[in-house]
Amino acid sequence: MAASTPRRAQIGRKTNETEIAVTVDLDGEGRFDIATGVGFFDHMLEQLSRHSLIDMTVKASGDLHIDDHHTVEDCGIALGRAIAEALGDRRGIVRYASLELAMDEALTRAAVDVSGRPFLVWQVAFPSSKIGTFDTELVREFFHALAQNAGITLHVTNHYGANSHHIAETCFKAVARVLRAACEPDARQPGAVPSTKGTLRG
C-alpha cells in the first residue's frame, strides 16, 4: 500500500428505525463532525476519532423516543462498514496492536487484530446502569457492531475503575489508539498482506 493511496469511505444506512451517514479517512488528523442525537455517545465518538486520528463524520437520526439502542448500534454498523471499505484488502498495514490506557482511577486494555475475522471479547463491568441518561450496556453494543462490520478481532478488558464515565471513556480511547496503530501503513512491508495465508478477507 502506497502511503499516498486514499483510504477513505462513505457509507449510508437507512432502516425504519434509523438513518445514518458516515465518512472516514484513515489517514486523517482526528477531525470529527458528530451528531447522533445522543449527547454522551457523541462525546465518545469524538474521542474515538481524535485518538485514532481517523477523520470522521457521523450523522444520525433515529427513534430516540423509544431509546438510544438502535441509533448506537446502527452507528456501529455503519462506522464498521466504512472502516472495512477504507481498509480495502488491508495490504501493507501493521495489523496488530494492544495497549493499556489510564484515565484517573480507571485502567482499560484493548487489543486488536485487523484480520478480516470479526470477534469481540468484552470484559467490562460498569458500576452504574446509566451515565446521565445513556445506558452503559450500549457501550458493548456499539463495539460489537463495530467489530462485526469492520472485520476486526477486538478484545477490551477493564482492569478497574469506580466511575462509569471514566470506564467508558477509557474503552473508547483505548480502542482508538489500537486502531490507529494497527491500521497504520507498515514501512517495512508496504506492499505485503501481513498474513501467511496471503489474504485478510476472513
N, C-alpha and C. Protein backbone atom coordinates (compact mmCIF):
# COMPACT_ATOMS: atom_id res chain seq x y z
N MET A 1 0.84 -1.18 0.00
CA MET A 1 0.00 0.00 0.00
C MET A 1 0.88 1.24 0.00
N ALA A 2 0.73 2.05 -1.01
CA ALA A 2 1.48 3.30 -1.05
C ALA A 2 0.91 4.27 -0.04
N ALA A 3 1.79 5.06 0.55
CA ALA A 3 1.35 5.99 1.58
C ALA A 3 0.33 7.00 1.03
N SER A 4 0.41 7.27 -0.28
CA SER A 4 -0.47 8.26 -0.88
C SER A 4 -1.81 7.69 -1.30
N THR A 5 -2.01 6.38 -1.19
CA THR A 5 -3.27 5.78 -1.58
C THR A 5 -4.38 6.24 -0.64
N PRO A 6 -5.44 6.85 -1.17
CA PRO A 6 -6.51 7.32 -0.28
C PRO A 6 -7.18 6.14 0.43
N ARG A 7 -7.37 6.28 1.71
CA ARG A 7 -8.08 5.25 2.48
C ARG A 7 -9.28 5.93 3.12
N ARG A 8 -10.26 6.19 2.28
CA ARG A 8 -11.46 6.89 2.69
C ARG A 8 -12.69 6.10 2.28
N ALA A 9 -13.78 6.33 2.97
CA ALA A 9 -15.03 5.67 2.60
C ALA A 9 -16.21 6.50 3.08
N GLN A 10 -17.32 6.30 2.40
CA GLN A 10 -18.58 6.96 2.76
C GLN A 10 -19.67 5.89 2.75
N ILE A 11 -20.42 5.81 3.84
CA ILE A 11 -21.44 4.79 3.99
C ILE A 11 -22.75 5.44 4.42
N GLY A 12 -23.84 5.01 3.80
CA GLY A 12 -25.17 5.41 4.24
C GLY A 12 -25.97 4.18 4.63
N ARG A 13 -26.77 4.30 5.66
CA ARG A 13 -27.60 3.19 6.11
C ARG A 13 -28.96 3.75 6.53
N LYS A 14 -30.03 3.19 5.96
CA LYS A 14 -31.36 3.66 6.29
C LYS A 14 -32.27 2.47 6.56
N THR A 15 -32.93 2.50 7.71
CA THR A 15 -33.91 1.48 8.06
C THR A 15 -35.16 2.19 8.57
N ASN A 16 -36.14 1.41 9.00
CA ASN A 16 -37.33 2.01 9.60
C ASN A 16 -37.04 2.62 10.97
N GLU A 17 -35.85 2.32 11.52
CA GLU A 17 -35.51 2.78 12.86
C GLU A 17 -34.50 3.93 12.87
N THR A 18 -33.59 3.94 11.89
CA THR A 18 -32.54 4.95 11.87
C THR A 18 -32.16 5.32 10.44
N GLU A 19 -31.53 6.48 10.33
CA GLU A 19 -30.86 6.88 9.09
C GLU A 19 -29.49 7.41 9.48
N ILE A 20 -28.44 6.77 8.94
CA ILE A 20 -27.07 7.06 9.33
C ILE A 20 -26.25 7.41 8.10
N ALA A 21 -25.40 8.43 8.21
CA ALA A 21 -24.42 8.77 7.18
C ALA A 21 -23.06 8.91 7.84
N VAL A 22 -22.08 8.17 7.32
CA VAL A 22 -20.74 8.13 7.91
C VAL A 22 -19.70 8.35 6.83
N THR A 23 -18.67 9.13 7.13
CA THR A 23 -17.46 9.18 6.30
C THR A 23 -16.26 8.96 7.20
N VAL A 24 -15.24 8.31 6.66
CA VAL A 24 -13.99 8.13 7.39
C VAL A 24 -12.80 8.37 6.47
N ASP A 25 -11.72 8.85 7.05
CA ASP A 25 -10.42 8.95 6.38
C ASP A 25 -9.40 8.40 7.36
N LEU A 26 -8.89 7.20 7.07
CA LEU A 26 -7.98 6.53 8.00
C LEU A 26 -6.66 7.27 8.16
N ASP A 27 -6.31 8.11 7.21
CA ASP A 27 -5.05 8.85 7.27
C ASP A 27 -5.29 10.31 7.59
N GLY A 28 -6.23 10.54 8.48
CA GLY A 28 -6.60 11.90 8.83
C GLY A 28 -5.81 12.45 10.00
N GLU A 29 -6.42 13.43 10.66
CA GLU A 29 -5.79 14.12 11.78
C GLU A 29 -6.64 14.06 13.05
N GLY A 30 -7.68 13.22 13.01
CA GLY A 30 -8.57 13.14 14.16
C GLY A 30 -9.61 14.24 14.18
N ARG A 31 -9.98 14.74 13.01
CA ARG A 31 -11.03 15.75 12.92
C ARG A 31 -12.39 15.05 12.87
N PHE A 32 -13.39 15.66 13.48
CA PHE A 32 -14.69 15.00 13.57
C PHE A 32 -15.84 15.99 13.45
N ASP A 33 -16.96 15.46 13.00
CA ASP A 33 -18.22 16.19 12.95
C ASP A 33 -19.30 15.15 13.29
N ILE A 34 -19.72 15.15 14.55
CA ILE A 34 -20.55 14.08 15.07
C ILE A 34 -21.88 14.67 15.55
N ALA A 35 -22.99 14.07 15.11
CA ALA A 35 -24.31 14.48 15.59
C ALA A 35 -25.24 13.28 15.49
N THR A 36 -25.45 12.60 16.61
CA THR A 36 -26.32 11.41 16.64
C THR A 36 -27.60 11.65 17.41
N GLY A 37 -27.69 12.76 18.11
CA GLY A 37 -28.84 12.99 18.97
C GLY A 37 -28.68 12.41 20.36
N VAL A 38 -27.56 11.73 20.60
CA VAL A 38 -27.28 11.11 21.90
C VAL A 38 -26.00 11.76 22.42
N GLY A 39 -26.14 12.67 23.37
CA GLY A 39 -25.03 13.52 23.77
C GLY A 39 -23.80 12.79 24.26
N PHE A 40 -23.97 11.84 25.16
CA PHE A 40 -22.80 11.13 25.68
C PHE A 40 -22.14 10.31 24.58
N PHE A 41 -22.92 9.70 23.71
CA PHE A 41 -22.38 8.91 22.60
C PHE A 41 -21.60 9.80 21.65
N ASP A 42 -22.11 11.00 21.37
CA ASP A 42 -21.35 11.94 20.55
C ASP A 42 -19.97 12.19 21.15
N HIS A 43 -19.94 12.40 22.47
CA HIS A 43 -18.69 12.66 23.16
C HIS A 43 -17.72 11.48 23.01
N MET A 44 -18.24 10.26 23.07
CA MET A 44 -17.38 9.07 22.93
C MET A 44 -16.88 8.92 21.49
N LEU A 45 -17.73 9.19 20.52
CA LEU A 45 -17.28 9.10 19.12
C LEU A 45 -16.23 10.16 18.82
N GLU A 46 -16.36 11.32 19.43
CA GLU A 46 -15.33 12.35 19.28
C GLU A 46 -13.98 11.84 19.82
N GLN A 47 -14.01 11.13 20.95
CA GLN A 47 -12.78 10.55 21.48
C GLN A 47 -12.22 9.50 20.52
N LEU A 48 -13.11 8.69 19.96
CA LEU A 48 -12.68 7.65 19.03
C LEU A 48 -11.96 8.25 17.82
N SER A 49 -12.51 9.33 17.29
CA SER A 49 -11.90 10.00 16.15
C SER A 49 -10.58 10.66 16.53
N ARG A 50 -10.62 11.43 17.59
CA ARG A 50 -9.44 12.23 17.97
C ARG A 50 -8.23 11.36 18.27
N HIS A 51 -8.43 10.25 18.96
CA HIS A 51 -7.30 9.46 19.41
C HIS A 51 -6.90 8.36 18.43
N SER A 52 -7.74 8.09 17.45
CA SER A 52 -7.35 7.18 16.37
C SER A 52 -6.72 7.93 15.20
N LEU A 53 -6.89 9.24 15.18
CA LEU A 53 -6.52 10.11 14.04
C LEU A 53 -7.30 9.75 12.78
N ILE A 54 -8.45 9.11 12.95
CA ILE A 54 -9.36 8.86 11.84
C ILE A 54 -10.31 10.05 11.74
N ASP A 55 -10.24 10.79 10.65
CA ASP A 55 -11.23 11.84 10.43
C ASP A 55 -12.57 11.16 10.21
N MET A 56 -13.60 11.63 10.89
CA MET A 56 -14.90 11.00 10.69
C MET A 56 -16.04 11.99 10.86
N THR A 57 -17.06 11.77 10.04
CA THR A 57 -18.35 12.41 10.25
C THR A 57 -19.35 11.31 10.52
N VAL A 58 -20.20 11.54 11.48
CA VAL A 58 -21.30 10.61 11.79
C VAL A 58 -22.54 11.45 12.01
N LYS A 59 -23.52 11.30 11.12
CA LYS A 59 -24.80 11.99 11.24
C LYS A 59 -25.88 10.93 11.36
N ALA A 60 -26.70 11.05 12.39
CA ALA A 60 -27.71 10.03 12.63
C ALA A 60 -29.02 10.65 13.08
N SER A 61 -30.10 10.09 12.58
CA SER A 61 -31.42 10.38 13.14
C SER A 61 -32.07 9.03 13.40
N GLY A 62 -32.63 8.88 14.59
CA GLY A 62 -33.18 7.58 14.96
C GLY A 62 -34.38 7.70 15.87
N ASP A 63 -34.90 6.56 16.25
CA ASP A 63 -36.12 6.50 17.06
C ASP A 63 -35.78 6.68 18.54
N LEU A 64 -35.25 7.85 18.86
CA LEU A 64 -34.82 8.13 20.23
C LEU A 64 -35.99 8.25 21.19
N HIS A 65 -37.21 8.37 20.66
CA HIS A 65 -38.39 8.37 21.53
C HIS A 65 -38.60 7.00 22.16
N ILE A 66 -37.98 5.96 21.56
CA ILE A 66 -38.04 4.61 22.14
C ILE A 66 -36.89 4.46 23.13
N ASP A 67 -35.67 4.50 22.62
CA ASP A 67 -34.45 4.58 23.44
C ASP A 67 -33.28 4.80 22.50
N ASP A 68 -32.06 4.73 23.02
CA ASP A 68 -30.87 5.03 22.22
C ASP A 68 -30.32 3.81 21.49
N HIS A 69 -30.88 2.63 21.76
CA HIS A 69 -30.26 1.39 21.32
C HIS A 69 -30.04 1.34 19.80
N HIS A 70 -31.10 1.55 19.03
CA HIS A 70 -31.00 1.41 17.58
C HIS A 70 -30.00 2.40 17.00
N THR A 71 -30.01 3.61 17.49
CA THR A 71 -29.10 4.64 16.97
C THR A 71 -27.65 4.27 17.25
N VAL A 72 -27.34 3.85 18.48
CA VAL A 72 -25.97 3.50 18.84
C VAL A 72 -25.50 2.28 18.05
N GLU A 73 -26.32 1.24 18.00
CA GLU A 73 -25.92 0.03 17.29
C GLU A 73 -25.74 0.29 15.80
N ASP A 74 -26.67 1.03 15.20
CA ASP A 74 -26.58 1.26 13.76
C ASP A 74 -25.42 2.18 13.40
N CYS A 75 -25.05 3.08 14.29
CA CYS A 75 -23.83 3.87 14.06
C CYS A 75 -22.61 2.95 14.08
N GLY A 76 -22.59 1.96 14.97
CA GLY A 76 -21.50 0.99 14.98
C GLY A 76 -21.43 0.19 13.70
N ILE A 77 -22.59 -0.21 13.19
CA ILE A 77 -22.64 -0.95 11.93
C ILE A 77 -22.08 -0.10 10.79
N ALA A 78 -22.58 1.12 10.66
CA ALA A 78 -22.16 1.99 9.55
C ALA A 78 -20.69 2.36 9.66
N LEU A 79 -20.25 2.69 10.86
CA LEU A 79 -18.84 3.07 11.04
C LEU A 79 -17.93 1.88 10.76
N GLY A 80 -18.32 0.69 11.22
CA GLY A 80 -17.54 -0.51 10.92
C GLY A 80 -17.43 -0.77 9.43
N ARG A 81 -18.54 -0.64 8.73
CA ARG A 81 -18.52 -0.87 7.27
C ARG A 81 -17.64 0.16 6.56
N ALA A 82 -17.68 1.39 7.05
CA ALA A 82 -16.84 2.43 6.44
C ALA A 82 -15.36 2.12 6.66
N ILE A 83 -15.00 1.70 7.86
CA ILE A 83 -13.61 1.35 8.14
C ILE A 83 -13.17 0.19 7.27
N ALA A 84 -14.02 -0.84 7.14
CA ALA A 84 -13.68 -2.00 6.30
C ALA A 84 -13.46 -1.59 4.85
N GLU A 85 -14.33 -0.73 4.35
CA GLU A 85 -14.19 -0.28 2.96
C GLU A 85 -12.92 0.54 2.78
N ALA A 86 -12.63 1.41 3.74
CA ALA A 86 -11.43 2.25 3.64
C ALA A 86 -10.15 1.42 3.71
N LEU A 87 -10.18 0.30 4.44
CA LEU A 87 -9.01 -0.57 4.55
C LEU A 87 -8.73 -1.35 3.27
N GLY A 88 -9.74 -1.54 2.45
CA GLY A 88 -9.55 -2.29 1.21
C GLY A 88 -9.12 -3.72 1.48
N ASP A 89 -8.05 -4.17 0.81
CA ASP A 89 -7.57 -5.54 1.03
C ASP A 89 -6.61 -5.65 2.21
N ARG A 90 -6.44 -4.55 2.94
CA ARG A 90 -5.63 -4.50 4.16
C ARG A 90 -4.14 -4.75 3.90
N ARG A 91 -3.76 -4.57 2.67
CA ARG A 91 -2.36 -4.76 2.28
C ARG A 91 -1.50 -3.67 2.90
N GLY A 92 -0.37 -4.07 3.48
CA GLY A 92 0.62 -3.12 3.96
C GLY A 92 0.36 -2.52 5.33
N ILE A 93 -0.67 -3.00 6.06
CA ILE A 93 -0.94 -2.45 7.38
C ILE A 93 -0.15 -3.21 8.45
N VAL A 94 -0.03 -2.61 9.62
CA VAL A 94 0.65 -3.26 10.74
C VAL A 94 -0.15 -4.47 11.23
N ARG A 95 -1.44 -4.36 11.27
CA ARG A 95 -2.42 -5.39 11.59
C ARG A 95 -2.71 -5.57 13.07
N TYR A 96 -1.71 -5.69 13.93
CA TYR A 96 -1.91 -5.97 15.35
C TYR A 96 -1.55 -4.75 16.21
N ALA A 97 -2.26 -4.61 17.33
CA ALA A 97 -1.86 -3.60 18.31
C ALA A 97 -2.57 -3.88 19.63
N SER A 98 -1.93 -3.47 20.72
CA SER A 98 -2.55 -3.55 22.04
C SER A 98 -1.95 -2.48 22.93
N LEU A 99 -2.73 -2.05 23.94
CA LEU A 99 -2.19 -1.12 24.93
C LEU A 99 -3.12 -1.06 26.12
N GLU A 100 -2.59 -0.55 27.23
CA GLU A 100 -3.38 -0.24 28.41
C GLU A 100 -3.48 1.27 28.53
N LEU A 101 -4.68 1.75 28.81
CA LEU A 101 -4.91 3.18 28.85
C LEU A 101 -5.54 3.56 30.19
N ALA A 102 -4.95 4.55 30.84
CA ALA A 102 -5.41 5.02 32.14
C ALA A 102 -6.16 6.33 32.01
N MET A 103 -7.19 6.48 32.84
CA MET A 103 -7.87 7.77 33.00
C MET A 103 -8.29 7.86 34.46
N ASP A 104 -7.62 8.72 35.20
CA ASP A 104 -7.88 8.85 36.63
C ASP A 104 -7.82 7.47 37.29
N GLU A 105 -8.91 7.01 37.89
CA GLU A 105 -8.88 5.75 38.63
C GLU A 105 -9.11 4.52 37.76
N ALA A 106 -9.41 4.71 36.46
CA ALA A 106 -9.80 3.60 35.58
C ALA A 106 -8.64 3.19 34.68
N LEU A 107 -8.51 1.88 34.46
CA LEU A 107 -7.49 1.33 33.58
C LEU A 107 -8.11 0.27 32.70
N THR A 108 -7.95 0.43 31.39
CA THR A 108 -8.56 -0.47 30.41
C THR A 108 -7.53 -0.90 29.39
N ARG A 109 -7.58 -2.17 29.02
CA ARG A 109 -6.71 -2.72 27.99
C ARG A 109 -7.53 -3.02 26.75
N ALA A 110 -6.99 -2.67 25.58
CA ALA A 110 -7.59 -3.01 24.30
C ALA A 110 -6.54 -3.68 23.42
N ALA A 111 -6.96 -4.69 22.69
CA ALA A 111 -6.10 -5.36 21.73
C ALA A 111 -6.91 -5.62 20.47
N VAL A 112 -6.26 -5.47 19.32
CA VAL A 112 -6.97 -5.63 18.05
C VAL A 112 -6.12 -6.41 17.05
N ASP A 113 -6.81 -7.20 16.25
CA ASP A 113 -6.24 -7.85 15.07
C ASP A 113 -7.14 -7.45 13.90
N VAL A 114 -6.61 -6.67 12.99
CA VAL A 114 -7.38 -6.22 11.83
C VAL A 114 -7.33 -7.33 10.80
N SER A 115 -8.02 -8.39 11.10
CA SER A 115 -7.81 -9.70 10.49
C SER A 115 -8.78 -10.04 9.37
N GLY A 116 -9.88 -9.30 9.27
CA GLY A 116 -10.96 -9.72 8.39
C GLY A 116 -11.91 -10.68 9.05
N ARG A 117 -11.58 -11.12 10.27
CA ARG A 117 -12.43 -12.05 11.03
C ARG A 117 -13.02 -11.31 12.22
N PRO A 118 -14.33 -11.09 12.23
CA PRO A 118 -14.94 -10.30 13.30
C PRO A 118 -15.12 -11.11 14.58
N PHE A 119 -14.73 -10.51 15.70
CA PHE A 119 -14.93 -11.15 17.00
C PHE A 119 -14.75 -10.08 18.07
N LEU A 120 -15.57 -10.16 19.11
CA LEU A 120 -15.43 -9.25 20.25
C LEU A 120 -15.35 -10.05 21.53
N VAL A 121 -14.32 -9.78 22.33
CA VAL A 121 -14.25 -10.25 23.71
C VAL A 121 -14.40 -9.01 24.59
N TRP A 122 -15.42 -9.01 25.44
CA TRP A 122 -15.77 -7.82 26.21
C TRP A 122 -15.77 -8.19 27.69
N GLN A 123 -14.81 -7.66 28.41
CA GLN A 123 -14.72 -7.92 29.84
C GLN A 123 -14.73 -6.58 30.57
N VAL A 124 -15.89 -5.97 30.54
CA VAL A 124 -16.08 -4.63 31.12
C VAL A 124 -17.37 -4.64 31.93
N ALA A 125 -17.28 -4.25 33.17
CA ALA A 125 -18.46 -4.12 34.04
C ALA A 125 -18.53 -2.68 34.53
N PHE A 126 -19.72 -2.11 34.44
CA PHE A 126 -19.93 -0.73 34.87
C PHE A 126 -20.58 -0.71 36.25
N PRO A 127 -20.14 0.18 37.12
CA PRO A 127 -20.74 0.25 38.45
C PRO A 127 -22.15 0.85 38.47
N SER A 128 -22.55 1.49 37.37
CA SER A 128 -23.90 2.04 37.28
C SER A 128 -24.51 1.65 35.95
N SER A 129 -25.82 1.63 35.89
CA SER A 129 -26.51 1.22 34.66
C SER A 129 -26.64 2.37 33.67
N LYS A 130 -26.43 3.60 34.15
CA LYS A 130 -26.56 4.76 33.27
C LYS A 130 -25.44 5.76 33.52
N ILE A 131 -25.08 6.48 32.45
CA ILE A 131 -24.22 7.66 32.55
C ILE A 131 -25.11 8.81 32.09
N GLY A 132 -25.61 9.59 33.02
CA GLY A 132 -26.67 10.53 32.68
C GLY A 132 -27.90 9.75 32.27
N THR A 133 -28.33 9.94 31.02
CA THR A 133 -29.47 9.17 30.50
C THR A 133 -29.03 8.02 29.60
N PHE A 134 -27.73 7.85 29.43
CA PHE A 134 -27.19 6.86 28.49
C PHE A 134 -27.03 5.51 29.20
N ASP A 135 -27.57 4.45 28.58
CA ASP A 135 -27.46 3.10 29.13
C ASP A 135 -26.04 2.57 28.91
N THR A 136 -25.36 2.21 29.99
CA THR A 136 -23.97 1.75 29.86
C THR A 136 -23.86 0.45 29.06
N GLU A 137 -24.91 -0.37 29.03
CA GLU A 137 -24.85 -1.61 28.25
C GLU A 137 -24.69 -1.34 26.75
N LEU A 138 -24.99 -0.11 26.32
CA LEU A 138 -24.88 0.23 24.90
C LEU A 138 -23.42 0.40 24.46
N VAL A 139 -22.51 0.56 25.40
CA VAL A 139 -21.10 0.64 25.02
C VAL A 139 -20.68 -0.67 24.37
N ARG A 140 -21.04 -1.79 24.98
CA ARG A 140 -20.75 -3.09 24.37
C ARG A 140 -21.46 -3.25 23.03
N GLU A 141 -22.72 -2.84 22.95
CA GLU A 141 -23.46 -2.99 21.70
C GLU A 141 -22.77 -2.24 20.57
N PHE A 142 -22.25 -1.06 20.86
CA PHE A 142 -21.54 -0.31 19.83
C PHE A 142 -20.30 -1.06 19.36
N PHE A 143 -19.47 -1.51 20.30
CA PHE A 143 -18.22 -2.16 19.90
C PHE A 143 -18.47 -3.51 19.24
N HIS A 144 -19.53 -4.20 19.62
CA HIS A 144 -19.87 -5.45 18.94
C HIS A 144 -20.22 -5.17 17.48
N ALA A 145 -21.06 -4.16 17.25
CA ALA A 145 -21.44 -3.80 15.88
C ALA A 145 -20.23 -3.33 15.08
N LEU A 146 -19.36 -2.54 15.72
CA LEU A 146 -18.16 -2.05 15.04
C LEU A 146 -17.26 -3.20 14.63
N ALA A 147 -16.98 -4.12 15.55
CA ALA A 147 -16.07 -5.24 15.26
C ALA A 147 -16.64 -6.14 14.18
N GLN A 148 -17.92 -6.45 14.26
CA GLN A 148 -18.54 -7.33 13.28
C GLN A 148 -18.47 -6.76 11.88
N ASN A 149 -18.70 -5.47 11.76
CA ASN A 149 -18.79 -4.86 10.43
C ASN A 149 -17.46 -4.34 9.90
N ALA A 150 -16.51 -4.05 10.78
CA ALA A 150 -15.17 -3.68 10.34
C ALA A 150 -14.32 -4.90 10.01
N GLY A 151 -14.74 -6.07 10.47
CA GLY A 151 -13.95 -7.27 10.26
C GLY A 151 -12.69 -7.27 11.09
N ILE A 152 -12.86 -6.97 12.39
CA ILE A 152 -11.70 -6.95 13.28
C ILE A 152 -11.98 -7.85 14.48
N THR A 153 -10.91 -8.43 15.01
CA THR A 153 -10.98 -9.10 16.30
C THR A 153 -10.59 -8.08 17.36
N LEU A 154 -11.47 -7.88 18.33
CA LEU A 154 -11.28 -6.82 19.32
C LEU A 154 -11.49 -7.38 20.72
N HIS A 155 -10.51 -7.18 21.58
CA HIS A 155 -10.60 -7.56 22.99
C HIS A 155 -10.51 -6.30 23.83
N VAL A 156 -11.48 -6.12 24.74
CA VAL A 156 -11.48 -4.96 25.63
C VAL A 156 -11.68 -5.46 27.06
N THR A 157 -10.75 -5.11 27.93
CA THR A 157 -10.82 -5.52 29.33
C THR A 157 -10.60 -4.32 30.23
N ASN A 158 -11.58 -4.04 31.07
CA ASN A 158 -11.38 -3.01 32.09
C ASN A 158 -10.83 -3.68 33.34
N HIS A 159 -9.63 -3.28 33.74
CA HIS A 159 -9.00 -3.87 34.92
C HIS A 159 -9.65 -3.37 36.21
N TYR A 160 -9.93 -2.05 36.25
CA TYR A 160 -10.58 -1.49 37.42
C TYR A 160 -11.03 -0.08 37.11
N GLY A 161 -11.90 0.42 37.98
CA GLY A 161 -12.43 1.77 37.84
C GLY A 161 -13.65 1.92 38.71
N ALA A 162 -13.93 3.12 39.15
CA ALA A 162 -15.06 3.38 40.03
C ALA A 162 -16.12 4.26 39.38
N ASN A 163 -15.75 4.96 38.32
CA ASN A 163 -16.64 5.92 37.68
C ASN A 163 -17.02 5.41 36.29
N SER A 164 -18.31 5.24 36.04
CA SER A 164 -18.76 4.66 34.76
C SER A 164 -18.35 5.51 33.57
N HIS A 165 -18.40 6.83 33.72
CA HIS A 165 -17.97 7.72 32.63
C HIS A 165 -16.50 7.46 32.30
N HIS A 166 -15.65 7.38 33.31
CA HIS A 166 -14.23 7.14 33.09
C HIS A 166 -13.99 5.78 32.45
N ILE A 167 -14.71 4.76 32.90
CA ILE A 167 -14.54 3.42 32.33
C ILE A 167 -14.92 3.43 30.85
N ALA A 168 -16.07 4.01 30.52
CA ALA A 168 -16.49 4.07 29.12
C ALA A 168 -15.48 4.84 28.28
N GLU A 169 -15.00 5.95 28.80
CA GLU A 169 -14.06 6.78 28.04
C GLU A 169 -12.74 6.05 27.81
N THR A 170 -12.27 5.28 28.82
CA THR A 170 -11.04 4.52 28.59
C THR A 170 -11.25 3.45 27.52
N CYS A 171 -12.45 2.89 27.44
CA CYS A 171 -12.72 1.91 26.39
C CYS A 171 -12.62 2.54 25.01
N PHE A 172 -13.27 3.67 24.82
CA PHE A 172 -13.24 4.33 23.51
C PHE A 172 -11.83 4.82 23.16
N LYS A 173 -11.14 5.39 24.12
CA LYS A 173 -9.80 5.91 23.84
C LYS A 173 -8.81 4.77 23.58
N ALA A 174 -8.92 3.69 24.34
CA ALA A 174 -8.01 2.55 24.13
C ALA A 174 -8.25 1.92 22.77
N VAL A 175 -9.50 1.73 22.40
CA VAL A 175 -9.80 1.17 21.08
C VAL A 175 -9.31 2.11 19.99
N ALA A 176 -9.49 3.40 20.19
CA ALA A 176 -9.00 4.37 19.21
C ALA A 176 -7.50 4.23 19.00
N ARG A 177 -6.75 4.12 20.08
CA ARG A 177 -5.29 4.05 19.96
C ARG A 177 -4.84 2.76 19.29
N VAL A 178 -5.49 1.63 19.57
CA VAL A 178 -5.06 0.40 18.91
C VAL A 178 -5.48 0.38 17.45
N LEU A 179 -6.61 0.97 17.12
CA LEU A 179 -6.99 1.08 15.71
C LEU A 179 -5.98 1.94 14.96
N ARG A 180 -5.58 3.04 15.57
CA ARG A 180 -4.57 3.90 14.94
C ARG A 180 -3.30 3.11 14.64
N ALA A 181 -2.81 2.37 15.64
CA ALA A 181 -1.55 1.65 15.47
C ALA A 181 -1.68 0.50 14.48
N ALA A 182 -2.77 -0.25 14.55
CA ALA A 182 -2.92 -1.45 13.71
C ALA A 182 -3.20 -1.10 12.25
N CYS A 183 -3.87 0.01 12.01
CA CYS A 183 -4.22 0.39 10.64
C CYS A 183 -3.14 1.22 9.95
N GLU A 184 -2.09 1.57 10.69
CA GLU A 184 -1.01 2.34 10.10
C GLU A 184 -0.29 1.54 9.02
N PRO A 185 0.15 2.18 7.95
CA PRO A 185 1.00 1.50 6.97
C PRO A 185 2.31 1.04 7.62
N ASP A 186 2.72 -0.16 7.30
CA ASP A 186 3.95 -0.75 7.83
C ASP A 186 5.10 -0.42 6.88
N ALA A 187 6.01 0.41 7.30
CA ALA A 187 7.10 0.86 6.42
C ALA A 187 7.99 -0.28 5.98
N ARG A 188 8.06 -1.37 6.74
CA ARG A 188 8.94 -2.49 6.40
C ARG A 188 8.31 -3.45 5.39
N GLN A 189 6.99 -3.40 5.23
CA GLN A 189 6.35 -4.27 4.24
C GLN A 189 5.18 -3.52 3.59
N PRO A 190 5.50 -2.46 2.85
CA PRO A 190 4.46 -1.57 2.34
C PRO A 190 3.50 -2.21 1.34
N GLY A 191 3.90 -3.24 0.65
CA GLY A 191 3.01 -3.83 -0.34
C GLY A 191 2.51 -5.21 0.02
N ALA A 192 2.80 -5.68 1.22
CA ALA A 192 2.53 -7.06 1.57
C ALA A 192 1.28 -7.19 2.43
N VAL A 193 0.56 -8.30 2.24
CA VAL A 193 -0.52 -8.65 3.14
C VAL A 193 0.11 -9.30 4.38
N PRO A 194 -0.12 -8.78 5.57
CA PRO A 194 0.55 -9.31 6.77
C PRO A 194 -0.10 -10.62 7.27
N SER A 195 0.01 -11.65 6.43
CA SER A 195 -0.55 -12.95 6.77
C SER A 195 0.14 -14.02 5.93
N THR A 196 0.41 -15.18 6.52
CA THR A 196 0.97 -16.28 5.73
C THR A 196 -0.05 -16.85 4.76
N LYS A 197 -1.33 -16.56 4.97
CA LYS A 197 -2.37 -17.00 4.04
C LYS A 197 -2.39 -16.17 2.76
N GLY A 198 -1.83 -14.97 2.85
CA GLY A 198 -1.84 -14.08 1.69
C GLY A 198 -3.11 -13.29 1.53
N THR A 199 -4.00 -13.36 2.53
CA THR A 199 -5.24 -12.60 2.46
C THR A 199 -5.72 -12.27 3.86
N LEU A 200 -6.37 -11.13 3.99
CA LEU A 200 -7.04 -10.75 5.24
C LEU A 200 -8.51 -10.51 4.96
N ARG A 201 -9.10 -11.41 4.24
CA ARG A 201 -10.51 -11.33 3.91
C ARG A 201 -11.34 -12.34 4.67
N GLY A 202 -10.86 -12.73 5.84
CA GLY A 202 -11.62 -13.64 6.68
C GLY A 202 -11.20 -15.08 6.52
